[in-house]
C-alpha cells in the first residue's frame, strides 16, 4: 500500500465527502487528511477499522501471555484443566 497517493488536503475532503466514503469502502485503503500542510487524521472504512481493533486485542493478549511466561507465572495445562473440571462439577 502506497500511502503517498492517499494523502489529501481537508479541502478535498469537504468537496468530495460522498466519493471518499464510497471509495474507502471499496478500496479498503486508508485516506490521510492534512490541514495546513500537517497530517491531522486518517480515515478508513469500518471493516478495516474493526480488523485493526481485533488485531490489536490479539497482540495485547499475546503480550500479556508472553510477560506472564517470562515472569514464571504459568501452570501446567493438566492442572488447570483438572481445576476447571472440579469447579464445573461443583455447580
PDB file of N, CA and C in Angstrom:
ATOM      1  N   UNK A   1       0.855  -1.172   0.000  1.00  0.00           N
ATOM      2  CA  UNK A   1       0.000   0.000   0.000  1.00  0.00           C
ATOM      3  C   UNK A   1       0.899   1.231   0.000  1.00  0.00           C
ATOM      4  N   UNK A   2       0.695   2.078  -0.965  1.00  0.00           N
ATOM      5  CA  UNK A   2       1.490   3.288  -1.067  1.00  0.00           C
ATOM      6  C   UNK A   2       0.681   4.459  -0.502  1.00  0.00           C
ATOM      7  N   UNK A   3       1.021   4.868   0.709  1.00  0.00           N
ATOM      8  CA  UNK A   3       0.243   5.908   1.386  1.00  0.00           C
ATOM      9  C   UNK A   3       0.376   7.279   0.736  1.00  0.00           C
ATOM     10  N   UNK A   4       1.469   7.538   0.037  1.00  0.00           N
ATOM     11  CA  UNK A   4       1.658   8.867  -0.547  1.00  0.00           C
ATOM     12  C   UNK A   4       0.546   9.225  -1.527  1.00  0.00           C
ATOM     13  N   UNK A   5      -0.054   8.227  -2.166  1.00  0.00           N
ATOM     14  CA  UNK A   5      -1.152   8.508  -3.094  1.00  0.00           C
ATOM     15  C   UNK A   5      -2.469   8.694  -2.360  1.00  0.00           C
ATOM     16  N   UNK A   6      -2.481   8.434  -1.077  1.00  0.00           N
ATOM     17  CA  UNK A   6      -3.699   8.527  -0.277  1.00  0.00           C
ATOM     18  C   UNK A   6      -3.695   9.750   0.648  1.00  0.00           C
ATOM     19  N   UNK A   7      -2.898  10.746   0.330  1.00  0.00           N
ATOM     20  CA  UNK A   7      -2.833  11.963   1.147  1.00  0.00           C
ATOM     21  C   UNK A   7      -3.582  13.073   0.428  1.00  0.00           C
ATOM     22  N   UNK A   8      -4.557  13.650   1.126  1.00  0.00           N
ATOM     23  CA  UNK A   8      -5.377  14.716   0.536  1.00  0.00           C
ATOM     24  C   UNK A   8      -5.556  15.839   1.551  1.00  0.00           C
ATOM     25  N   UNK A   9      -5.686  17.078   1.062  1.00  0.00           N
ATOM     26  CA  UNK A   9      -5.959  18.200   1.976  1.00  0.00           C
ATOM     27  C   UNK A   9      -7.412  18.167   2.437  1.00  0.00           C
ATOM     28  N   UNK A  10      -7.673  18.854   3.511  1.00  0.00           N
ATOM     29  CA  UNK A  10      -9.023  18.881   4.069  1.00  0.00           C
ATOM     30  C   UNK A  10     -10.026  19.486   3.081  1.00  0.00           C
ATOM     31  N   UNK A  11      -9.577  20.373   2.225  1.00  0.00           N
ATOM     32  CA  UNK A  11     -10.479  20.957   1.219  1.00  0.00           C
ATOM     33  C   UNK A  11     -10.993  19.874   0.264  1.00  0.00           C
ATOM     34  N   UNK A  12     -10.157  18.888  -0.042  1.00  0.00           N
ATOM     35  CA  UNK A  12     -10.582  17.773  -0.887  1.00  0.00           C
ATOM     36  C   UNK A  12     -11.659  16.962  -0.171  1.00  0.00           C
ATOM     37  N   UNK A  13     -11.486  16.741   1.116  1.00  0.00           N
ATOM     38  CA  UNK A  13     -12.484  16.026   1.908  1.00  0.00           C
ATOM     39  C   UNK A  13     -13.818  16.757   1.876  1.00  0.00           C
ATOM     40  N   UNK A  14     -13.779  18.060   2.068  1.00  0.00           N
ATOM     41  CA  UNK A  14     -15.006  18.858   2.073  1.00  0.00           C
ATOM     42  C   UNK A  14     -15.724  18.785   0.729  1.00  0.00           C
ATOM     43  N   UNK A  15     -14.975  18.802  -0.356  1.00  0.00           N
ATOM     44  CA  UNK A  15     -15.568  18.837  -1.690  1.00  0.00           C
ATOM     45  C   UNK A  15     -15.984  17.459  -2.210  1.00  0.00           C
ATOM     46  N   UNK A  16     -15.411  16.397  -1.668  1.00  0.00           N
ATOM     47  CA  UNK A  16     -15.647  15.066  -2.213  1.00  0.00           C
ATOM     48  C   UNK A  16     -16.052  14.039  -1.147  1.00  0.00           C
ATOM     49  N   UNK A  17     -16.745  14.456  -0.120  1.00  0.00           N
ATOM     50  CA  UNK A  17     -17.044  13.571   1.008  1.00  0.00           C
ATOM     51  C   UNK A  17     -17.748  12.285   0.589  1.00  0.00           C
ATOM     52  N   UNK A  18     -18.802  12.370  -0.206  1.00  0.00           N
ATOM     53  CA  UNK A  18     -19.553  11.174  -0.596  1.00  0.00           C
ATOM     54  C   UNK A  18     -18.671  10.217  -1.404  1.00  0.00           C
ATOM     55  N   UNK A  19     -17.896  10.761  -2.312  1.00  0.00           N
ATOM     56  CA  UNK A  19     -16.995   9.947  -3.131  1.00  0.00           C
ATOM     57  C   UNK A  19     -15.938   9.263  -2.254  1.00  0.00           C
ATOM     58  N   UNK A  20     -15.424   9.998  -1.305  1.00  0.00           N
ATOM     59  CA  UNK A  20     -14.399   9.450  -0.399  1.00  0.00           C
ATOM     60  C   UNK A  20     -14.967   8.285   0.399  1.00  0.00           C
ATOM     61  N   UNK A  21     -16.145   8.456   0.950  1.00  0.00           N
ATOM     62  CA  UNK A  21     -16.767   7.393   1.745  1.00  0.00           C
ATOM     63  C   UNK A  21     -16.982   6.154   0.880  1.00  0.00           C
ATOM     64  N   UNK A  22     -17.456   6.351  -0.335  1.00  0.00           N
ATOM     65  CA  UNK A  22     -17.671   5.223  -1.241  1.00  0.00           C
ATOM     66  C   UNK A  22     -16.342   4.518  -1.550  1.00  0.00           C
ATOM     67  N   UNK A  23     -15.328   5.287  -1.870  1.00  0.00           N
ATOM     68  CA  UNK A  23     -14.024   4.718  -2.205  1.00  0.00           C
ATOM     69  C   UNK A  23     -13.374   3.995  -1.030  1.00  0.00           C
ATOM     70  N   UNK A  24     -13.541   4.538   0.168  1.00  0.00           N
ATOM     71  CA  UNK A  24     -12.971   3.880   1.345  1.00  0.00           C
ATOM     72  C   UNK A  24     -13.542   2.477   1.497  1.00  0.00           C
ATOM     73  N   UNK A  25     -14.835   2.350   1.291  1.00  0.00           N
ATOM     74  CA  UNK A  25     -15.482   1.047   1.410  1.00  0.00           C
ATOM     75  C   UNK A  25     -15.062   0.079   0.324  1.00  0.00           C
ATOM     76  N   UNK A  26     -14.821   0.591  -0.866  1.00  0.00           N
ATOM     77  CA  UNK A  26     -14.449  -0.268  -1.995  1.00  0.00           C
ATOM     78  C   UNK A  26     -12.972  -0.618  -1.996  1.00  0.00           C
ATOM     79  N   UNK A  27     -12.120   0.354  -1.748  1.00  0.00           N
ATOM     80  CA  UNK A  27     -10.678   0.149  -1.878  1.00  0.00           C
ATOM     81  C   UNK A  27     -10.033  -0.420  -0.617  1.00  0.00           C
ATOM     82  N   UNK A  28     -10.673  -0.190   0.523  1.00  0.00           N
ATOM     83  CA  UNK A  28     -10.162  -0.684   1.803  1.00  0.00           C
ATOM     84  C   UNK A  28      -8.755  -0.177   2.106  1.00  0.00           C
ATOM     85  N   UNK A  29      -8.445   1.031   1.647  1.00  0.00           N
ATOM     86  CA  UNK A  29      -7.167   1.673   1.953  1.00  0.00           C
ATOM     87  C   UNK A  29      -7.452   2.948   2.726  1.00  0.00           C
ATOM     88  N   UNK A  30      -6.624   3.263   3.708  1.00  0.00           N
ATOM     89  CA  UNK A  30      -6.847   4.478   4.496  1.00  0.00           C
ATOM     90  C   UNK A  30      -6.608   5.737   3.671  1.00  0.00           C
ATOM     91  N   UNK A  31      -7.217   6.822   4.099  1.00  0.00           N
ATOM     92  CA  UNK A  31      -7.020   8.127   3.476  1.00  0.00           C
ATOM     93  C   UNK A  31      -6.470   9.065   4.542  1.00  0.00           C
ATOM     94  N   UNK A  32      -5.396   9.738   4.213  1.00  0.00           N
ATOM     95  CA  UNK A  32      -4.747  10.646   5.159  1.00  0.00           C
ATOM     96  C   UNK A  32      -5.161  12.062   4.799  1.00  0.00           C
ATOM     97  N   UNK A  33      -5.669  12.784   5.778  1.00  0.00           N
ATOM     98  CA  UNK A  33      -6.144  14.153   5.569  1.00  0.00           C
ATOM     99  C   UNK A  33      -5.183  15.125   6.243  1.00  0.00           C
ATOM    100  N   UNK A  34      -4.797  16.150   5.477  1.00  0.00           N
ATOM    101  CA  UNK A  34      -3.910  17.177   6.014  1.00  0.00           C
ATOM    102  C   UNK A  34      -4.675  18.475   6.210  1.00  0.00           C
ATOM    103  N   UNK A  35      -4.175  19.268   7.118  1.00  0.00           N
ATOM    104  CA  UNK A  35      -4.717  20.613   7.349  1.00  0.00           C
ATOM    105  C   UNK A  35      -3.528  21.538   7.548  1.00  0.00           C
ATOM    106  N   UNK A  36      -3.467  22.573   6.749  1.00  0.00           N
ATOM    107  CA  UNK A  36      -2.338  23.499   6.768  1.00  0.00           C
ATOM    108  C   UNK A  36      -1.006  22.758   6.588  1.00  0.00           C
ATOM    109  N   UNK A  37      -1.018  21.743   5.725  1.00  0.00           N
ATOM    110  CA  UNK A  37       0.195  21.005   5.420  1.00  0.00           C
ATOM    111  C   UNK A  37       0.609  19.955   6.438  1.00  0.00           C
ATOM    112  N   UNK A  38      -0.143  19.816   7.507  1.00  0.00           N
ATOM    113  CA  UNK A  38       0.183  18.824   8.539  1.00  0.00           C
ATOM    114  C   UNK A  38      -0.848  17.704   8.526  1.00  0.00           C
ATOM    115  N   UNK A  39      -0.373  16.482   8.725  1.00  0.00           N
ATOM    116  CA  UNK A  39      -1.280  15.344   8.820  1.00  0.00           C
ATOM    117  C   UNK A  39      -2.118  15.504  10.084  1.00  0.00           C
ATOM    118  N   UNK A  40      -3.446  15.398   9.916  1.00  0.00           N
ATOM    119  CA  UNK A  40      -4.347  15.563  11.067  1.00  0.00           C
ATOM    120  C   UNK A  40      -5.150  14.315  11.385  1.00  0.00           C
ATOM    121  N   UNK A  41      -5.634  13.607  10.355  1.00  0.00           N
ATOM    122  CA  UNK A  41      -6.452  12.418  10.604  1.00  0.00           C
ATOM    123  C   UNK A  41      -6.187  11.351   9.553  1.00  0.00           C
ATOM    124  N   UNK A  42      -6.523  10.135   9.924  1.00  0.00           N
ATOM    125  CA  UNK A  42      -6.512   9.013   8.994  1.00  0.00           C
ATOM    126  C   UNK A  42      -7.935   8.467   8.971  1.00  0.00           C
ATOM    127  N   UNK A  43      -8.485   8.344   7.776  1.00  0.00           N
ATOM    128  CA  UNK A  43      -9.837   7.810   7.619  1.00  0.00           C
ATOM    129  C   UNK A  43      -9.728   6.406   7.033  1.00  0.00           C
ATOM    130  N   UNK A  44     -10.604   5.507   7.516  1.00  0.00           N
ATOM    131  CA  UNK A  44     -10.645   4.167   6.955  1.00  0.00           C
ATOM    132  C   UNK A  44     -12.055   3.621   7.049  1.00  0.00           C
ATOM    133  N   UNK A  45     -12.343   2.606   6.240  1.00  0.00           N
ATOM    134  CA  UNK A  45     -13.667   2.010   6.277  1.00  0.00           C
ATOM    135  C   UNK A  45     -13.838   1.225   7.576  1.00  0.00           C
ATOM    136  N   UNK A  46     -15.085   0.960   7.924  1.00  0.00           N
ATOM    137  CA  UNK A  46     -15.390   0.335   9.209  1.00  0.00           C
ATOM    138  C   UNK A  46     -14.849  -1.089   9.297  1.00  0.00           C
ATOM    139  N   UNK A  47     -14.885  -1.855   8.208  1.00  0.00           N
ATOM    140  CA  UNK A  47     -14.381  -3.225   8.261  1.00  0.00           C
ATOM    141  C   UNK A  47     -12.885  -3.237   8.557  1.00  0.00           C
ATOM    142  N   UNK A  48     -12.137  -2.357   7.917  1.00  0.00           N
ATOM    143  CA  UNK A  48     -10.699  -2.278   8.179  1.00  0.00           C
ATOM    144  C   UNK A  48     -10.443  -1.850   9.615  1.00  0.00           C
ATOM    145  N   UNK A  49     -11.237  -0.898  10.113  1.00  0.00           N
ATOM    146  CA  UNK A  49     -11.082  -0.435  11.495  1.00  0.00           C
ATOM    147  C   UNK A  49     -11.331  -1.589  12.472  1.00  0.00           C
ATOM    148  N   UNK A  50     -12.402  -2.347  12.234  1.00  0.00           N
ATOM    149  CA  UNK A  50     -12.712  -3.472  13.121  1.00  0.00           C
ATOM    150  C   UNK A  50     -11.606  -4.522  13.087  1.00  0.00           C
ATOM    151  N   UNK A  51     -11.074  -4.804  11.900  1.00  0.00           N
ATOM    152  CA  UNK A  51      -9.971  -5.765  11.801  1.00  0.00           C
ATOM    153  C   UNK A  51      -8.750  -5.275  12.579  1.00  0.00           C
ATOM    154  N   UNK A  52      -8.474  -3.993  12.475  1.00  0.00           N
ATOM    155  CA  UNK A  52      -7.340  -3.419  13.194  1.00  0.00           C
ATOM    156  C   UNK A  52      -7.540  -3.552  14.700  1.00  0.00           C
ATOM    157  N   UNK A  53      -8.743  -3.270  15.169  1.00  0.00           N
ATOM    158  CA  UNK A  53      -9.029  -3.368  16.603  1.00  0.00           C
ATOM    159  C   UNK A  53      -8.907  -4.805  17.090  1.00  0.00           C
ATOM    160  N   UNK A  54      -9.393  -5.763  16.293  1.00  0.00           N
ATOM    161  CA  UNK A  54      -9.276  -7.174  16.668  1.00  0.00           C
ATOM    162  C   UNK A  54      -7.809  -7.598  16.723  1.00  0.00           C
ATOM    163  N   UNK A  55      -7.035  -7.138  15.743  1.00  0.00           N
ATOM    164  CA  UNK A  55      -5.617  -7.484  15.719  1.00  0.00           C
ATOM    165  C   UNK A  55      -4.898  -6.898  16.930  1.00  0.00           C
ATOM    166  N   UNK A  56      -5.218  -5.671  17.287  1.00  0.00           N
ATOM    167  CA  UNK A  56      -4.604  -5.051  18.455  1.00  0.00           C
ATOM    168  C   UNK A  56      -4.968  -5.804  19.736  1.00  0.00           C
ATOM    169  N   UNK A  57      -6.212  -6.250  19.836  1.00  0.00           N
ATOM    170  CA  UNK A  57      -6.636  -7.013  21.010  1.00  0.00           C
ATOM    171  C   UNK A  57      -5.861  -8.319  21.109  1.00  0.00           C
ATOM    172  N   UNK A  58      -5.693  -9.000  19.972  1.00  0.00           N
ATOM    173  CA  UNK A  58      -4.930 -10.255  19.978  1.00  0.00           C
ATOM    174  C   UNK A  58      -3.470 -10.012  20.342  1.00  0.00           C
ATOM    175  N   UNK A  59      -2.892  -8.950  19.812  1.00  0.00           N
ATOM    176  CA  UNK A  59      -1.499  -8.627  20.145  1.00  0.00           C
ATOM    177  C   UNK A  59      -1.346  -8.318  21.630  1.00  0.00           C
ATOM    178  N   UNK A  60      -2.350  -7.651  22.196  1.00  0.00           N
ATOM    179  CA  UNK A  60      -2.303  -7.351  23.631  1.00  0.00           C
ATOM    180  C   UNK A  60      -2.361  -8.638  24.450  1.00  0.00           C
ATOM    181  N   UNK A  61      -3.219  -9.570  24.042  1.00  0.00           N
ATOM    182  CA  UNK A  61      -3.316 -10.856  24.735  1.00  0.00           C
ATOM    183  C   UNK A  61      -1.987 -11.598  24.649  1.00  0.00           C
ATOM    184  N   UNK A  62      -1.382 -11.596  23.463  1.00  0.00           N
ATOM    185  CA  UNK A  62      -0.083 -12.251  23.294  1.00  0.00           C
ATOM    186  C   UNK A  62       0.987 -11.603  24.165  1.00  0.00           C
ATOM    187  N   UNK A  63       0.979 -10.292  24.240  1.00  0.00           N
ATOM    188  CA  UNK A  63       1.972  -9.584  25.057  1.00  0.00           C
ATOM    189  C   UNK A  63       1.802  -9.930  26.535  1.00  0.00           C
ATOM    190  N   UNK A  64       0.563  -9.980  26.994  1.00  0.00           N
ATOM    191  CA  UNK A  64       0.307 -10.335  28.390  1.00  0.00           C
ATOM    192  C   UNK A  64       0.769 -11.764  28.657  1.00  0.00           C
ATOM    193  N   UNK A  65       0.441 -12.679  27.742  1.00  0.00           N
ATOM    194  CA  UNK A  65       0.857 -14.068  27.898  1.00  0.00           C
ATOM    195  C   UNK A  65       2.367 -14.213  27.919  1.00  0.00           C
ATOM    196  N   UNK A  66       3.033 -13.505  27.027  1.00  0.00           N
ATOM    197  CA  UNK A  66       4.496 -13.550  26.982  1.00  0.00           C
ATOM    198  C   UNK A  66       5.093 -13.028  28.283  1.00  0.00           C
ATOM    199  N   UNK A  67       4.542 -11.947  28.789  1.00  0.00           N
ATOM    200  CA  UNK A  67       5.037 -11.383  30.053  1.00  0.00           C
ATOM    201  C   UNK A  67       4.830 -12.357  31.206  1.00  0.00           C
ATOM    202  N   UNK A  68       3.677 -13.022  31.226  1.00  0.00           N
ATOM    203  CA  UNK A  68       3.417 -13.998  32.282  1.00  0.00           C
ATOM    204  C   UNK A  68       4.392 -15.164  32.207  1.00  0.00           C
ATOM    205  N   UNK A  69       4.705 -15.604  30.998  1.00  0.00           N
ATOM    206  CA  UNK A  69       5.680 -16.690  30.832  1.00  0.00           C
ATOM    207  C   UNK A  69       7.052 -16.242  31.317  1.00  0.00           C
ATOM    208  N   UNK A  70       7.458 -15.034  30.933  1.00  0.00           N
ATOM    209  CA  UNK A  70       8.763 -14.513  31.351  1.00  0.00           C
ATOM    210  C   UNK A  70       8.862 -14.378  32.859  1.00  0.00           C
ATOM    211  N   UNK A  71       7.744 -14.052  33.506  1.00  0.00           N
ATOM    212  CA  UNK A  71       7.725 -13.892  34.962  1.00  0.00           C
ATOM    213  C   UNK A  71       7.556 -15.229  35.685  1.00  0.00           C
ATOM    214  N   UNK A  72       7.383 -16.300  34.914  1.00  0.00           N
ATOM    215  CA  UNK A  72       7.195 -17.610  35.522  1.00  0.00           C
ATOM    216  C   UNK A  72       5.813 -17.822  36.097  1.00  0.00           C
ATOM    217  N   UNK A  73       4.886 -16.996  35.713  1.00  0.00           N
ATOM    218  CA  UNK A  73       3.521 -17.066  36.226  1.00  0.00           C
ATOM    219  C   UNK A  73       2.703 -17.999  35.327  1.00  0.00           C
ATOM    220  N   UNK A  74       3.077 -19.280  35.322  1.00  0.00           N
ATOM    221  CA  UNK A  74       2.408 -20.273  34.483  1.00  0.00           C
ATOM    222  C   UNK A  74       2.109 -21.519  35.305  1.00  0.00           C
ATOM    223  N   UNK A  75       1.171 -22.309  34.820  1.00  0.00           N
ATOM    224  CA  UNK A  75       0.812 -23.564  35.469  1.00  0.00           C
ATOM    225  C   UNK A  75       0.681 -24.622  34.381  1.00  0.00           C
ATOM    226  N   UNK A  76       0.966 -25.860  34.691  1.00  0.00           N
ATOM    227  CA  UNK A  76       0.775 -26.923  33.705  1.00  0.00           C
ATOM    228  C   UNK A  76      -0.694 -26.990  33.270  1.00  0.00           C
ATOM    229  N   UNK A  77      -0.914 -27.186  31.981  1.00  0.00           N
ATOM    230  CA  UNK A  77      -2.273 -27.231  31.446  1.00  0.00           C
ATOM    231  C   UNK A  77      -3.102 -28.315  32.123  1.00  0.00           C
ATOM    232  N   UNK A  78      -2.476 -29.426  32.412  1.00  0.00           N
ATOM    233  CA  UNK A  78      -3.181 -30.544  33.063  1.00  0.00           C
ATOM    234  C   UNK A  78      -3.770 -30.117  34.402  1.00  0.00           C
ATOM    235  N   UNK A  79      -3.018 -29.352  35.193  1.00  0.00           N
ATOM    236  CA  UNK A  79      -3.510 -28.878  36.493  1.00  0.00           C
ATOM    237  C   UNK A  79      -4.684 -27.913  36.317  1.00  0.00           C
ATOM    238  N   UNK A  80      -4.580 -27.051  35.353  1.00  0.00           N
ATOM    239  CA  UNK A  80      -5.645 -26.072  35.108  1.00  0.00           C
ATOM    240  C   UNK A  80      -6.915 -26.787  34.670  1.00  0.00           C
ATOM    241  N   UNK A  81      -6.793 -27.753  33.776  1.00  0.00           N
ATOM    242  CA  UNK A  81      -7.965 -28.499  33.297  1.00  0.00           C
ATOM    243  C   UNK A  81      -8.632 -29.242  34.443  1.00  0.00           C
ATOM    244  N   UNK A  82      -7.850 -29.879  35.301  1.00  0.00           N
ATOM    245  CA  UNK A  82      -8.414 -30.585  36.466  1.00  0.00           C
ATOM    246  C   UNK A  82      -9.175 -29.625  37.364  1.00  0.00           C
ATOM    247  N   UNK A  83      -8.569 -28.462  37.626  1.00  0.00           N
ATOM    248  CA  UNK A  83      -9.207 -27.469  38.489  1.00  0.00           C
ATOM    249  C   UNK A  83     -10.509 -26.962  37.862  1.00  0.00           C
ATOM    250  N   UNK A  84     -10.529 -26.726  36.557  1.00  0.00           N
ATOM    251  CA  UNK A  84     -11.742 -26.256  35.886  1.00  0.00           C
ATOM    252  C   UNK A  84     -12.834 -27.324  35.908  1.00  0.00           C
ATOM    253  N   UNK A  85     -12.454 -28.566  35.693  1.00  0.00           N
ATOM    254  CA  UNK A  85     -13.437 -29.648  35.732  1.00  0.00           C
ATOM    255  C   UNK A  85     -14.022 -29.809  37.124  1.00  0.00           C
ATOM    256  N   UNK A  86     -13.168 -29.666  38.119  1.00  0.00           N
ATOM    257  CA  UNK A  86     -13.627 -29.773  39.504  1.00  0.00           C
ATOM    258  C   UNK A  86     -14.611 -28.642  39.818  1.00  0.00           C
ATOM    259  N   UNK A  87     -14.263 -27.429  39.386  1.00  0.00           N
ATOM    260  CA  UNK A  87     -15.128 -26.269  39.631  1.00  0.00           C
ATOM    261  C   UNK A  87     -16.456 -26.427  38.892  1.00  0.00           C
ATOM    262  N   UNK A  88     -16.405 -26.933  37.665  1.00  0.00           N
ATOM    263  CA  UNK A  88     -17.620 -27.131  36.880  1.00  0.00           C
ATOM    264  C   UNK A  88     -18.525 -28.179  37.522  1.00  0.00           C
ATOM    265  N   UNK A  89     -17.945 -29.196  38.088  1.00  0.00           N
ATOM    266  CA  UNK A  89     -18.725 -30.243  38.761  1.00  0.00           C
ATOM    267  C   UNK A  89     -19.371 -29.757  40.042  1.00  0.00           C
ATOM    268  N   UNK A  90     -18.798 -28.725  40.648  1.00  0.00           N
ATOM    269  CA  UNK A  90     -19.345 -28.195  41.907  1.00  0.00           C
ATOM    270  C   UNK A  90     -20.603 -27.370  41.681  1.00  0.00           C
ATOM    271  N   UNK A  91     -20.847 -26.923  40.455  1.00  0.00           N
ATOM    272  CA  UNK A  91     -22.009 -26.065  40.168  1.00  0.00           C
ATOM    273  C   UNK A  91     -23.188 -26.843  39.825  1.00  0.00           C
TER     274      UNK A  91
END
